[in-house]
Protein backbone atom coordinates (compact mmCIF):
# COMPACT_ATOMS: atom_id res chain seq x y z
CA MET A 1 62.11 98.49 134.23
CA LEU A 2 65.29 96.71 135.21
CA LYS A 3 66.22 96.24 138.88
CA PRO A 4 69.97 95.80 139.49
CA LEU A 5 71.32 93.32 142.02
CA GLY A 6 74.25 93.75 144.41
CA ASP A 7 76.57 96.62 143.50
CA ARG A 8 75.31 96.81 139.92
CA ILE A 9 74.21 100.12 138.41
CA ILE A 10 72.05 100.79 135.34
CA ILE A 11 73.04 103.75 133.20
CA GLU A 12 71.31 105.40 130.28
CA LYS A 13 73.99 106.44 127.80
CA THR A 14 74.34 110.11 126.91
CA GLU A 15 74.84 110.45 123.17
CA LYS A 16 76.61 113.53 121.90
CA GLU A 17 76.39 114.75 118.32
CA GLN A 18 79.93 114.82 117.02
CA THR A 19 81.10 117.12 114.27
CA THR A 20 84.43 117.71 112.60
CA ALA A 21 86.29 121.02 112.85
CA SER A 22 84.72 122.05 109.53
CA GLY A 23 81.18 121.32 110.81
CA ILE A 24 80.45 117.97 109.18
CA VAL A 25 78.20 115.77 111.36
CA LEU A 26 79.69 112.29 111.78
CA THR A 27 77.66 109.12 111.19
CA ASP A 28 77.13 106.57 113.98
CA SER A 29 79.86 104.28 112.64
CA ALA A 30 82.43 107.11 112.58
CA LYS A 31 81.62 108.47 116.04
CA GLU A 32 83.70 107.80 119.12
CA GLN A 33 81.62 105.94 121.69
CA SER A 34 80.57 108.10 124.64
CA ASN A 35 81.45 106.92 128.14
CA GLU A 36 79.09 109.27 129.96
CA GLY A 37 75.58 108.57 131.16
CA GLN A 38 72.89 109.10 133.75
CA VAL A 39 72.19 106.62 136.54
CA VAL A 40 68.62 105.28 136.29
CA ALA A 41 68.78 102.49 138.89
CA VAL A 42 71.13 101.39 141.69
CA GLY A 43 71.38 98.01 143.40
CA PRO A 44 71.26 97.62 147.18
CA GLY A 45 75.05 97.29 147.47
CA LYS A 46 77.68 94.61 147.76
CA ARG A 47 77.14 92.00 150.48
CA LEU A 48 80.19 91.59 152.71
CA GLU A 49 81.32 88.31 154.29
CA ASP A 50 79.67 89.18 157.62
CA GLY A 51 76.30 89.67 155.88
CA THR A 52 76.17 93.46 155.98
CA ARG A 53 75.80 95.56 152.85
CA LEU A 54 78.26 98.14 151.56
CA THR A 55 76.18 100.97 150.08
CA VAL A 56 76.81 102.28 146.57
CA ASP A 57 78.38 105.76 146.22
CA VAL A 58 76.18 106.91 143.32
CA ALA A 59 72.46 107.70 143.31
CA VAL A 60 69.69 107.74 140.73
CA GLY A 61 69.99 110.91 138.65
CA ASP A 62 73.78 111.26 138.95
CA LYS A 63 75.67 111.91 135.73
CA VAL A 64 78.74 109.69 135.62
CA VAL A 65 81.79 108.78 133.56
CA TYR A 66 82.49 105.06 133.28
CA GLN A 67 85.22 102.91 131.76
CA GLN A 68 85.07 102.88 127.97
CA TYR A 69 84.29 99.18 127.37
CA ALA A 70 82.74 98.30 130.73
CA GLY A 71 79.40 96.70 131.39
CA THR A 72 76.75 94.92 129.38
CA GLU A 73 74.51 96.76 126.93
CA VAL A 74 70.79 95.92 127.21
CA LYS A 75 67.87 97.16 125.09
CA ARG A 76 64.45 97.53 126.76
CA ASP A 77 61.43 99.41 125.41
CA LYS A 78 63.40 101.18 122.62
CA GLU A 79 65.99 102.44 125.14
CA THR A 80 69.59 101.26 125.48
CA TYR A 81 71.00 100.81 128.97
CA ILE A 82 74.35 99.68 130.32
CA ILE A 83 74.54 97.46 133.39
CA LEU A 84 77.87 97.74 135.16
CA SER A 85 79.54 97.28 138.50
CA GLU A 86 80.21 100.22 140.80
CA ASP A 87 83.94 99.59 140.28
CA ASP A 88 83.54 100.53 136.58
CA ILE A 89 82.40 104.08 137.41
CA LEU A 90 85.28 106.53 137.31
CA ALA A 91 83.67 109.84 138.38
CA ILE A 92 80.45 111.73 139.07
CA ILE A 93 79.95 114.82 136.88
CA GLU A 94 78.93 117.83 138.96
C-alpha cells in the first residue's frame, strides 16, 4: 500500500457508468472523467515553520470531490489511485 507524506491524500477514483439520454452506454474514451473518489490514506499533515503539524481535514473512508485535473495518477496492484494535496480537495460528500 502507499503511505502519503505531509498533507498528501490518496484517493481511489469512483467510476460512474455514463449513458446518453437514449440509453447508450459510452465508451471510456467518450466518458467525462469523474472527479469523485474515496480517501484510502491520509498523510500526517503539513509541517509548519515552528515544527508543529497542521492536521488534515479529511479521513480515511470519506467520499470527496477534487479538482478535475489535480494530482498524480498511480497504478498499484491493478488499482488506480490519485495522490493529491489537501488543497486540491473541494468538498466532502455526506
